[in-house]
Amino acid sequence: MSISKPAQKPLLPNPFQLSDTEIIEKVYASHTYDDEVFDSEPLFNVVSSVIKLSSRVVGAILKVN
């Protein structure tokens, strides 16, 4: 009885070894046909809140030192 290993998925390339052109080609290849509408305002609000709170924390830490 032979036990076969499941087929391994090909590994993704290391993004630090790709040129800018290769990265852009991969992004275009995976997003060219997106028909989905994306509401960016909620994401912007979350990111803005995180940055504002983080800057307050860093500012408070710098004042203590």
PDB file of N, CA and C in Angstrom:
ATOM      1  N   MET A   1       0.847  -1.172   0.000  1.00  0.00           N
ATOM      2  CA  MET A   1       0.000   0.000   0.000  1.00  0.00           C
ATOM      3  C   MET A   1       0.892   1.233   0.000  1.00  0.00           C
ATOM      4  N   SER A   2       0.693   2.106  -0.950  1.00  0.00           N
ATOM      5  CA  SER A   2       1.507   3.317  -0.983  1.00  0.00           C
ATOM      6  C   SER A   2       0.658   4.495  -0.524  1.00  0.00           C
ATOM      7  N   ILE A   3       1.278   5.313   0.269  1.00  0.00           N
ATOM      8  CA  ILE A   3       0.606   6.520   0.758  1.00  0.00           C
ATOM      9  C   ILE A   3       1.132   7.682  -0.064  1.00  0.00           C
ATOM     10  N   SER A   4       0.231   8.296  -0.784  1.00  0.00           N
ATOM     11  CA  SER A   4       0.671   9.423  -1.607  1.00  0.00           C
ATOM     12  C   SER A   4       0.431  10.723  -0.862  1.00  0.00           C
ATOM     13  N   LYS A   5       1.344  11.635  -1.046  1.00  0.00           N
ATOM     14  CA  LYS A   5       1.215  12.955  -0.433  1.00  0.00           C
ATOM     15  C   LYS A   5       0.253  13.788  -1.270  1.00  0.00           C
ATOM     16  N   PRO A   6      -0.519  14.652  -0.615  1.00  0.00           N
ATOM     17  CA  PRO A   6      -1.381  15.542  -1.393  1.00  0.00           C
ATOM     18  C   PRO A   6      -0.519  16.484  -2.223  1.00  0.00           C
ATOM     19  N   ALA A   7      -1.016  16.840  -3.379  1.00  0.00           N
ATOM     20  CA  ALA A   7      -0.263  17.747  -4.244  1.00  0.00           C
ATOM     21  C   ALA A   7      -0.094  19.087  -3.555  1.00  0.00           C
ATOM     22  N   GLN A   8       1.139  19.579  -3.564  1.00  0.00           N
ATOM     23  CA  GLN A   8       1.401  20.866  -2.938  1.00  0.00           C
ATOM     24  C   GLN A   8       1.039  21.986  -3.902  1.00  0.00           C
ATOM     25  N   LYS A   9       0.485  23.031  -3.337  1.00  0.00           N
ATOM     26  CA  LYS A   9       0.201  24.208  -4.138  1.00  0.00           C
ATOM     27  C   LYS A   9       1.522  24.914  -4.426  1.00  0.00           C
ATOM     28  N   PRO A  10       1.640  25.512  -5.586  1.00  0.00           N
ATOM     29  CA  PRO A  10       2.886  26.239  -5.856  1.00  0.00           C
ATOM     30  C   PRO A  10       3.026  27.396  -4.874  1.00  0.00           C
ATOM     31  N   LEU A  11       4.225  27.608  -4.406  1.00  0.00           N
ATOM     32  CA  LEU A  11       4.481  28.687  -3.462  1.00  0.00           C
ATOM     33  C   LEU A  11       4.380  30.034  -4.169  1.00  0.00           C
ATOM     34  N   LEU A  12       3.887  31.004  -3.454  1.00  0.00           N
ATOM     35  CA  LEU A  12       3.848  32.351  -4.001  1.00  0.00           C
ATOM     36  C   LEU A  12       5.266  32.899  -4.043  1.00  0.00           C
ATOM     37  N   PRO A  13       5.574  33.721  -5.014  1.00  0.00           N
ATOM     38  CA  PRO A  13       6.919  34.284  -5.069  1.00  0.00           C
ATOM     39  C   PRO A  13       7.132  35.255  -3.908  1.00  0.00           C
ATOM     40  N   ASN A  14       8.349  35.340  -3.476  1.00  0.00           N
ATOM     41  CA  ASN A  14       8.694  36.288  -2.419  1.00  0.00           C
ATOM     42  C   ASN A  14       8.568  37.696  -2.993  1.00  0.00           C
ATOM     43  N   PRO A  15       7.694  38.543  -2.431  1.00  0.00           N
ATOM     44  CA  PRO A  15       7.493  39.877  -3.004  1.00  0.00           C
ATOM     45  C   PRO A  15       8.740  40.743  -2.941  1.00  0.00           C
ATOM     46  N   PHE A  16       9.671  40.418  -2.025  1.00  0.00           N
ATOM     47  CA  PHE A  16      10.902  41.201  -1.931  1.00  0.00           C
ATOM     48  C   PHE A  16      11.887  40.847  -3.040  1.00  0.00           C
ATOM     49  N   GLN A  17      11.606  39.772  -3.771  1.00  0.00           N
ATOM     50  CA  GLN A  17      12.465  39.372  -4.874  1.00  0.00           C
ATOM     51  C   GLN A  17      11.877  39.761  -6.231  1.00  0.00           C
ATOM     52  N   LEU A  18      10.726  40.405  -6.241  1.00  0.00           N
ATOM     53  CA  LEU A  18      10.076  40.816  -7.483  1.00  0.00           C
ATOM     54  C   LEU A  18      10.409  42.273  -7.793  1.00  0.00           C
ATOM     55  N   SER A  19      10.477  42.567  -9.064  1.00  0.00           N
ATOM     56  CA  SER A  19      10.669  43.967  -9.465  1.00  0.00           C
ATOM     57  C   SER A  19       9.325  44.687  -9.366  1.00  0.00           C
ATOM     58  N   ASP A  20       9.370  45.991  -9.424  1.00  0.00           N
ATOM     59  CA  ASP A  20       8.125  46.772  -9.387  1.00  0.00           C
ATOM     60  C   ASP A  20       7.204  46.392 -10.535  1.00  0.00           C
ATOM     61  N   THR A  21       7.778  46.174 -11.705  1.00  0.00           N
ATOM     62  CA  THR A  21       6.991  45.814 -12.881  1.00  0.00           C
ATOM     63  C   THR A  21       6.291  44.475 -12.674  1.00  0.00           C
ATOM     64  N   GLU A  22       6.995  43.500 -12.104  1.00  0.00           N
ATOM     65  CA  GLU A  22       6.395  42.189 -11.858  1.00  0.00           C
ATOM     66  C   GLU A  22       5.252  42.284 -10.856  1.00  0.00           C
ATOM     67  N   ILE A  23       5.420  43.105  -9.829  1.00  0.00           N
ATOM     68  CA  ILE A  23       4.359  43.283  -8.829  1.00  0.00           C
ATOM     69  C   ILE A  23       3.135  43.925  -9.475  1.00  0.00           C
ATOM     70  N   ILE A  24       3.357  44.963 -10.276  1.00  0.00           N
ATOM     71  CA  ILE A  24       2.238  45.639 -10.941  1.00  0.00           C
ATOM     72  C   ILE A  24       1.506  44.680 -11.869  1.00  0.00           C
ATOM     73  N   GLU A  25       2.254  43.848 -12.601  1.00  0.00           N
ATOM     74  CA  GLU A  25       1.622  42.872 -13.487  1.00  0.00           C
ATOM     75  C   GLU A  25       0.759  41.894 -12.701  1.00  0.00           C
ATOM     76  N   LYS A  26       1.236  41.452 -11.543  1.00  0.00           N
ATOM     77  CA  LYS A  26       0.458  40.516 -10.726  1.00  0.00           C
ATOM     78  C   LYS A  26      -0.799  41.187 -10.176  1.00  0.00           C
ATOM     79  N   VAL A  27      -0.693  42.437  -9.784  1.00  0.00           N
ATOM     80  CA  VAL A  27      -1.864  43.162  -9.274  1.00  0.00           C
ATOM     81  C   VAL A  27      -2.888  43.336 -10.387  1.00  0.00           C
ATOM     82  N   TYR A  28      -2.447  43.769 -11.555  1.00  0.00           N
ATOM     83  CA  TYR A  28      -3.366  43.940 -12.679  1.00  0.00           C
ATOM     84  C   TYR A  28      -4.019  42.615 -13.066  1.00  0.00           C
ATOM     85  N   ALA A  29      -3.235  41.547 -13.066  1.00  0.00           N
ATOM     86  CA  ALA A  29      -3.780  40.243 -13.457  1.00  0.00           C
ATOM     87  C   ALA A  29      -4.862  39.778 -12.501  1.00  0.00           C
ATOM     88  N   SER A  30      -4.731  40.118 -11.234  1.00  0.00           N
ATOM     89  CA  SER A  30      -5.714  39.640 -10.261  1.00  0.00           C
ATOM     90  C   SER A  30      -6.864  40.622 -10.037  1.00  0.00           C
ATOM     91  N   HIS A  31      -6.743  41.867 -10.510  1.00  0.00           N
ATOM     92  CA  HIS A  31      -7.786  42.860 -10.230  1.00  0.00           C
ATOM     93  C   HIS A  31      -8.385  43.501 -11.472  1.00  0.00           C
ATOM     94  N   THR A  32      -7.959  43.101 -12.632  1.00  0.00           N
ATOM     95  CA  THR A  32      -8.426  43.740 -13.859  1.00  0.00           C
ATOM     96  C   THR A  32      -9.923  43.592 -14.050  1.00  0.00           C
ATOM     97  N   TYR A  33     -10.451  42.427 -13.716  1.00  0.00           N
ATOM     98  CA  TYR A  33     -11.853  42.156 -14.007  1.00  0.00           C
ATOM     99  C   TYR A  33     -12.767  42.297 -12.798  1.00  0.00           C
ATOM    100  N   ASP A  34     -12.329  43.055 -11.822  1.00  0.00           N
ATOM    101  CA  ASP A  34     -13.176  43.274 -10.648  1.00  0.00           C
ATOM    102  C   ASP A  34     -14.332  44.192 -11.021  1.00  0.00           C
ATOM    103  N   ASP A  35     -15.539  43.674 -10.881  1.00  0.00           N
ATOM    104  CA  ASP A  35     -16.723  44.484 -11.139  1.00  0.00           C
ATOM    105  C   ASP A  35     -17.352  44.959  -9.839  1.00  0.00           C
ATOM    106  N   GLU A  36     -16.748  44.590  -8.752  1.00  0.00           N
ATOM    107  CA  GLU A  36     -17.289  44.919  -7.452  1.00  0.00           C
ATOM    108  C   GLU A  36     -17.047  46.387  -7.132  1.00  0.00           C
ATOM    109  N   VAL A  37     -18.066  47.032  -6.612  1.00  0.00           N
ATOM    110  CA  VAL A  37     -17.928  48.420  -6.189  1.00  0.00           C
ATOM    111  C   VAL A  37     -17.432  48.411  -4.754  1.00  0.00           C
ATOM    112  N   PHE A  38     -16.463  49.266  -4.488  1.00  0.00           N
ATOM    113  CA  PHE A  38     -15.867  49.309  -3.159  1.00  0.00           C
ATOM    114  C   PHE A  38     -16.129  50.672  -2.547  1.00  0.00           C
ATOM    115  N   ASP A  39     -16.750  50.676  -1.379  1.00  0.00           N
ATOM    116  CA  ASP A  39     -17.003  51.912  -0.662  1.00  0.00           C
ATOM    117  C   ASP A  39     -15.795  52.195   0.212  1.00  0.00           C
ATOM    118  N   SER A  40     -14.993  53.147  -0.172  1.00  0.00           N
ATOM    119  CA  SER A  40     -13.728  53.403   0.517  1.00  0.00           C
ATOM    120  C   SER A  40     -13.888  54.271   1.766  1.00  0.00           C
ATOM    121  N   GLU A  41     -15.006  54.942   1.933  1.00  0.00           N
ATOM    122  CA  GLU A  41     -15.163  55.849   3.069  1.00  0.00           C
ATOM    123  C   GLU A  41     -15.063  55.134   4.421  1.00  0.00           C
ATOM    124  N   PRO A  42     -15.733  53.996   4.636  1.00  0.00           N
ATOM    125  CA  PRO A  42     -15.580  53.322   5.932  1.00  0.00           C
ATOM    126  C   PRO A  42     -14.132  52.891   6.209  1.00  0.00           C
ATOM    127  N   LEU A  43     -13.449  52.402   5.184  1.00  0.00           N
ATOM    128  CA  LEU A  43     -12.049  52.019   5.366  1.00  0.00           C
ATOM    129  C   LEU A  43     -11.205  53.241   5.704  1.00  0.00           C
ATOM    130  N   PHE A  44     -11.434  54.333   5.019  1.00  0.00           N
ATOM    131  CA  PHE A  44     -10.717  55.575   5.292  1.00  0.00           C
ATOM    132  C   PHE A  44     -10.954  56.021   6.730  1.00  0.00           C
ATOM    133  N   ASN A  45     -12.193  55.934   7.197  1.00  0.00           N
ATOM    134  CA  ASN A  45     -12.517  56.338   8.567  1.00  0.00           C
ATOM    135  C   ASN A  45     -11.785  55.481   9.591  1.00  0.00           C
ATOM    136  N   VAL A  46     -11.735  54.171   9.366  1.00  0.00           N
ATOM    137  CA  VAL A  46     -11.038  53.278  10.301  1.00  0.00           C
ATOM    138  C   VAL A  46      -9.545  53.586  10.320  1.00  0.00           C
ATOM    139  N   VAL A  47      -8.958  53.708   9.140  1.00  0.00           N
ATOM    140  CA  VAL A  47      -7.516  53.974   9.065  1.00  0.00           C
ATOM    141  C   VAL A  47      -7.196  55.330   9.687  1.00  0.00           C
ATOM    142  N   SER A  48      -8.018  56.321   9.430  1.00  0.00           N
ATOM    143  CA  SER A  48      -7.804  57.643  10.011  1.00  0.00           C
ATOM    144  C   SER A  48      -7.859  57.592  11.534  1.00  0.00           C
ATOM    145  N   SER A  49      -8.823  56.866  12.060  1.00  0.00           N
ATOM    146  CA  SER A  49      -8.945  56.739  13.508  1.00  0.00           C
ATOM    147  C   SER A  49      -7.718  56.064  14.115  1.00  0.00           C
ATOM    148  N   VAL A  50      -7.252  55.016  13.479  1.00  0.00           N
ATOM    149  CA  VAL A  50      -6.070  54.306  13.977  1.00  0.00           C
ATOM    150  C   VAL A  50      -4.857  55.224  13.970  1.00  0.00           C
ATOM    151  N   ILE A  51      -4.675  55.968  12.887  1.00  0.00           N
ATOM    152  CA  ILE A  51      -3.522  56.862  12.796  1.00  0.00           C
ATOM    153  C   ILE A  51      -3.610  57.979  13.821  1.00  0.00           C
ATOM    154  N   LYS A  52      -4.800  58.565  13.991  1.00  0.00           N
ATOM    155  CA  LYS A  52      -4.956  59.642  14.976  1.00  0.00           C
ATOM    156  C   LYS A  52      -4.672  59.145  16.391  1.00  0.00           C
ATOM    157  N   LEU A  53      -5.241  57.990  16.751  1.00  0.00           N
ATOM    158  CA  LEU A  53      -5.005  57.461  18.090  1.00  0.00           C
ATOM    159  C   LEU A  53      -3.550  57.070  18.284  1.00  0.00           C
ATOM    160  N   SER A  54      -2.939  56.510  17.270  1.00  0.00           N
ATOM    161  CA  SER A  54      -1.529  56.124  17.365  1.00  0.00           C
ATOM    162  C   SER A  54      -0.642  57.339  17.547  1.00  0.00           C
ATOM    163  N   SER A  55      -0.942  58.400  16.830  1.00  0.00           N
ATOM    164  CA  SER A  55      -0.120  59.602  16.954  1.00  0.00           C
ATOM    165  C   SER A  55      -0.278  60.228  18.338  1.00  0.00           C
ATOM    166  N   ARG A  56      -1.462  60.121  18.933  1.00  0.00           N
ATOM    167  CA  ARG A  56      -1.648  60.617  20.304  1.00  0.00           C
ATOM    168  C   ARG A  56      -0.825  59.806  21.293  1.00  0.00           C
ATOM    169  N   VAL A  57      -0.828  58.495  21.117  1.00  0.00           N
ATOM    170  CA  VAL A  57      -0.059  57.629  22.020  1.00  0.00           C
ATOM    171  C   VAL A  57       1.434  57.934  21.893  1.00  0.00           C
ATOM    172  N   VAL A  58       1.918  58.035  20.663  1.00  0.00           N
ATOM    173  CA  VAL A  58       3.329  58.328  20.441  1.00  0.00           C
ATOM    174  C   VAL A  58       3.669  59.700  21.003  1.00  0.00           C
ATOM    175  N   GLY A  59       2.795  60.672  20.779  1.00  0.00           N
ATOM    176  CA  GLY A  59       3.026  62.013  21.319  1.00  0.00           C
ATOM    177  C   GLY A  59       3.100  62.002  22.838  1.00  0.00           C
ATOM    178  N   ALA A  60       2.232  61.240  23.484  1.00  0.00           N
ATOM    179  CA  ALA A  60       2.248  61.158  24.947  1.00  0.00           C
ATOM    180  C   ALA A  60       3.531  60.485  25.424  1.00  0.00           C
ATOM    181  N   ILE A  61       3.973  59.455  24.723  1.00  0.00           N
ATOM    182  CA  ILE A  61       5.207  58.763  25.106  1.00  0.00           C
ATOM    183  C   ILE A  61       6.404  59.688  24.952  1.00  0.00           C
ATOM    184  N   LEU A  62       6.442  60.460  23.882  1.00  0.00           N
ATOM    185  CA  LEU A  62       7.570  61.357  23.652  1.00  0.00           C
ATOM    186  C   LEU A  62       7.606  62.478  24.698  1.00  0.00           C
ATOM    187  N   LYS A  63       6.457  62.912  25.175  1.00  0.00           N
ATOM    188  CA  LYS A  63       6.425  63.945  26.204  1.00  0.00           C
ATOM    189  C   LYS A  63       6.925  63.417  27.537  1.00  0.00           C
ATOM    190  N   VAL A  64       6.688  62.137  27.808  1.00  0.00           N
ATOM    191  CA  VAL A  64       7.124  61.531  29.073  1.00  0.00           C
ATOM    192  C   VAL A  64       8.631  61.424  29.116  1.00  0.00           C
ATOM    193  N   ASN A  65       9.246  61.074  27.974  1.00  0.00           N
ATOM    194  CA  ASN A  65      10.699  60.856  27.953  1.00  0.00           C
ATOM    195  C   ASN A  65      11.414  62.128  27.946  1.00  0.00           C
TER     196      ASN A  65
END
